[in-house]
Amino acid sequence: MIYIRIHNSDNGSVVAMCDKTLIDKVLTEGEAVMDIKTYASFYNEKLVGKDEAKKLIGDADDVYSANIVGKESVAVALEMKMIEEENVLRIQEVPYAHAYRVEYPK
């Protein structure tokens, strides 16, 4: 199961996805810290399966950023080609990725 929240703004949407099993965790590795517990509200609007997560992302308006944490969430993002495998990082062996779309004025 995946927690997902689509943050909408005038500039587009930010997709936040986190595996249910990680929502109350603080991951540390060396000096790196990922405090999902404190910022759980960034992710936890809806608890869904993979298919529903794909539908919500597909229905989102103009996604320009994504924050993805956990095996299930990263798998969805890879399947939807939001990210590529070589851009997946790990902290305490937990995969995560950030994706951004950058557009320059013409």
C-alpha atoms as a PDB file:
ATOM      1  CA  MET A   1       0.000   0.000   0.000  1.00  0.00           C
ATOM      2  CA  ILE A   2       1.109   3.523  -0.834  1.00  0.00           C
ATOM      3  CA  TYR A   3       0.317   6.873   0.716  1.00  0.00           C
ATOM      4  CA  ILE A   4      -0.134   9.454  -2.011  1.00  0.00           C
ATOM      5  CA  ARG A   5      -0.905  13.125  -2.051  1.00  0.00           C
ATOM      6  CA  ILE A   6      -1.151  15.379  -5.072  1.00  0.00           C
ATOM      7  CA  HIS A   7      -0.281  18.951  -4.138  1.00  0.00           C
ATOM      8  CA  ASN A   8      -1.850  21.301  -6.687  1.00  0.00           C
ATOM      9  CA  SER A   9      -0.693  24.824  -7.428  1.00  0.00           C
ATOM     10  CA  ASP A  10      -1.060  27.375 -10.197  1.00  0.00           C
ATOM     11  CA  ASN A  11       2.224  26.096 -11.651  1.00  0.00           C
ATOM     12  CA  GLY A  12       1.231  22.413 -11.748  1.00  0.00           C
ATOM     13  CA  SER A  13       1.229  19.461  -9.378  1.00  0.00           C
ATOM     14  CA  VAL A  14       3.675  17.870  -6.974  1.00  0.00           C
ATOM     15  CA  VAL A  15       3.239  14.127  -6.485  1.00  0.00           C
ATOM     16  CA  ALA A  16       4.226  12.773  -3.061  1.00  0.00           C
ATOM     17  CA  MET A  17       4.283   8.977  -2.601  1.00  0.00           C
ATOM     18  CA  CYS A  18       5.518   6.904   0.321  1.00  0.00           C
ATOM     19  CA  ASP A  19       5.134   3.233   1.177  1.00  0.00           C
ATOM     20  CA  LYS A  20       2.761   2.682   4.101  1.00  0.00           C
ATOM     21  CA  THR A  21       5.453   0.813   6.035  1.00  0.00           C
ATOM     22  CA  LEU A  22       7.709   3.900   6.029  1.00  0.00           C
ATOM     23  CA  ILE A  23       5.274   6.678   6.979  1.00  0.00           C
ATOM     24  CA  ASP A  24       6.330   6.713  10.649  1.00  0.00           C
ATOM     25  CA  LYS A  25      10.089   6.305  10.080  1.00  0.00           C
ATOM     26  CA  VAL A  26      13.165   8.478  10.343  1.00  0.00           C
ATOM     27  CA  LEU A  27      15.881   7.077   8.086  1.00  0.00           C
ATOM     28  CA  THR A  28      19.518   7.958   8.700  1.00  0.00           C
ATOM     29  CA  GLU A  29      22.726   7.002   6.987  1.00  0.00           C
ATOM     30  CA  GLY A  30      25.891   8.860   7.839  1.00  0.00           C
ATOM     31  CA  GLU A  31      24.942  12.534   7.921  1.00  0.00           C
ATOM     32  CA  ALA A  32      21.899  12.023   5.674  1.00  0.00           C
ATOM     33  CA  VAL A  33      18.491  12.117   7.391  1.00  0.00           C
ATOM     34  CA  MET A  34      15.078  11.490   5.844  1.00  0.00           C
ATOM     35  CA  ASP A  35      12.439  12.354   8.445  1.00  0.00           C
ATOM     36  CA  ILE A  36       9.249  10.931   6.997  1.00  0.00           C
ATOM     37  CA  LYS A  37       7.578  10.762  10.418  1.00  0.00           C
ATOM     38  CA  THR A  38       7.640  14.525  11.035  1.00  0.00           C
ATOM     39  CA  TYR A  39       6.554  15.288   7.479  1.00  0.00           C
ATOM     40  CA  ALA A  40       4.015  12.458   7.091  1.00  0.00           C
ATOM     41  CA  SER A  41       1.260  14.941   6.164  1.00  0.00           C
ATOM     42  CA  PHE A  42       3.207  15.730   2.969  1.00  0.00           C
ATOM     43  CA  TYR A  43       2.431  12.165   1.800  1.00  0.00           C
ATOM     44  CA  ASN A  44      -0.594  10.784   3.618  1.00  0.00           C
ATOM     45  CA  GLU A  45      -3.725  12.082   1.968  1.00  0.00           C
ATOM     46  CA  LYS A  46      -4.840   8.718   0.514  1.00  0.00           C
ATOM     47  CA  LEU A  47      -3.787   5.119   1.097  1.00  0.00           C
ATOM     48  CA  VAL A  48      -4.012   3.204  -2.182  1.00  0.00           C
ATOM     49  CA  GLY A  49      -2.726   0.203  -4.098  1.00  0.00           C
ATOM     50  CA  LYS A  50      -0.425   0.439  -7.123  1.00  0.00           C
ATOM     51  CA  ASP A  51      -3.222   0.652  -9.706  1.00  0.00           C
ATOM     52  CA  GLU A  52      -5.006   3.484  -7.889  1.00  0.00           C
ATOM     53  CA  ALA A  53      -1.684   5.326  -7.444  1.00  0.00           C
ATOM     54  CA  LYS A  54      -1.102   5.116 -11.219  1.00  0.00           C
ATOM     55  CA  LYS A  55      -4.602   6.440 -11.885  1.00  0.00           C
ATOM     56  CA  LEU A  56      -4.191   9.374  -9.478  1.00  0.00           C
ATOM     57  CA  ILE A  57      -0.863  10.315 -11.050  1.00  0.00           C
ATOM     58  CA  GLY A  58      -2.323   9.992 -14.531  1.00  0.00           C
ATOM     59  CA  ASP A  59      -5.227  12.253 -13.566  1.00  0.00           C
ATOM     60  CA  ALA A  60      -2.994  14.909 -11.956  1.00  0.00           C
ATOM     61  CA  ASP A  61      -2.731  18.264 -13.702  1.00  0.00           C
ATOM     62  CA  ASP A  62       0.652  19.063 -15.230  1.00  0.00           C
ATOM     63  CA  VAL A  63       2.996  17.226 -12.811  1.00  0.00           C
ATOM     64  CA  TYR A  64       6.247  19.179 -12.439  1.00  0.00           C
ATOM     65  CA  SER A  65       7.763  17.484  -9.385  1.00  0.00           C
ATOM     66  CA  ALA A  66       7.622  14.153  -7.583  1.00  0.00           C
ATOM     67  CA  ASN A  67       8.928  12.937  -4.231  1.00  0.00           C
ATOM     68  CA  ILE A  68       8.899   9.132  -4.059  1.00  0.00           C
ATOM     69  CA  VAL A  69       9.957   6.931  -1.112  1.00  0.00           C
ATOM     70  CA  GLY A  70       9.899   3.132  -0.760  1.00  0.00           C
ATOM     71  CA  LYS A  71       9.981  -0.002  -2.913  1.00  0.00           C
ATOM     72  CA  GLU A  72       6.309   0.037  -3.955  1.00  0.00           C
ATOM     73  CA  SER A  73       6.226   3.772  -4.635  1.00  0.00           C
ATOM     74  CA  VAL A  74       9.463   3.713  -6.630  1.00  0.00           C
ATOM     75  CA  ALA A  75       8.165   0.716  -8.617  1.00  0.00           C
ATOM     76  CA  VAL A  76       5.055   2.708  -9.617  1.00  0.00           C
ATOM     77  CA  ALA A  77       7.160   5.713 -10.648  1.00  0.00           C
ATOM     78  CA  LEU A  78       9.460   3.471 -12.712  1.00  0.00           C
ATOM     79  CA  GLU A  79       6.498   1.784 -14.427  1.00  0.00           C
ATOM     80  CA  MET A  80       5.035   5.193 -15.290  1.00  0.00           C
ATOM     81  CA  LYS A  81       8.431   6.408 -16.529  1.00  0.00           C
ATOM     82  CA  MET A  82       8.427   9.323 -14.074  1.00  0.00           C
ATOM     83  CA  ILE A  83      11.953   8.292 -13.077  1.00  0.00           C
ATOM     84  CA  GLU A  84      14.714   6.042 -14.402  1.00  0.00           C
ATOM     85  CA  GLU A  85      16.440   3.293 -12.432  1.00  0.00           C
ATOM     86  CA  GLU A  86      19.818   5.064 -12.509  1.00  0.00           C
ATOM     87  CA  ASN A  87      18.262   8.018 -10.641  1.00  0.00           C
ATOM     88  CA  VAL A  88      17.002   5.938  -7.716  1.00  0.00           C
ATOM     89  CA  LEU A  89      18.980   6.573  -4.533  1.00  0.00           C
ATOM     90  CA  ARG A  90      18.986   4.619  -1.267  1.00  0.00           C
ATOM     91  CA  ILE A  91      19.076   5.443   2.413  1.00  0.00           C
ATOM     92  CA  GLN A  92      19.221   2.491   4.818  1.00  0.00           C
ATOM     93  CA  GLU A  93      18.590   0.379   1.698  1.00  0.00           C
ATOM     94  CA  VAL A  94      15.237   2.124   1.145  1.00  0.00           C
ATOM     95  CA  PRO A  95      14.914   3.371  -2.439  1.00  0.00           C
ATOM     96  CA  TYR A  96      13.810   6.945  -3.085  1.00  0.00           C
ATOM     97  CA  ALA A  97      13.818   9.420  -5.934  1.00  0.00           C
ATOM     98  CA  HIS A  98      12.978  12.988  -6.801  1.00  0.00           C
ATOM     99  CA  ALA A  99      11.855  14.036 -10.240  1.00  0.00           C
ATOM    100  CA  TYR A 100      11.588  17.534 -11.650  1.00  0.00           C
ATOM    101  CA  ARG A 101      10.490  18.964 -14.934  1.00  0.00           C
ATOM    102  CA  VAL A 102      12.327  22.136 -15.806  1.00  0.00           C
ATOM    103  CA  GLU A 103      11.068  24.455 -18.502  1.00  0.00           C
ATOM    104  CA  TYR A 104      12.863  27.524 -19.706  1.00  0.00           C
ATOM    105  CA  PRO A 105      11.075  30.606 -21.021  1.00  0.00           C
ATOM    106  CA  LYS A 106      11.171  30.901 -24.792  1.00  0.00           C
END
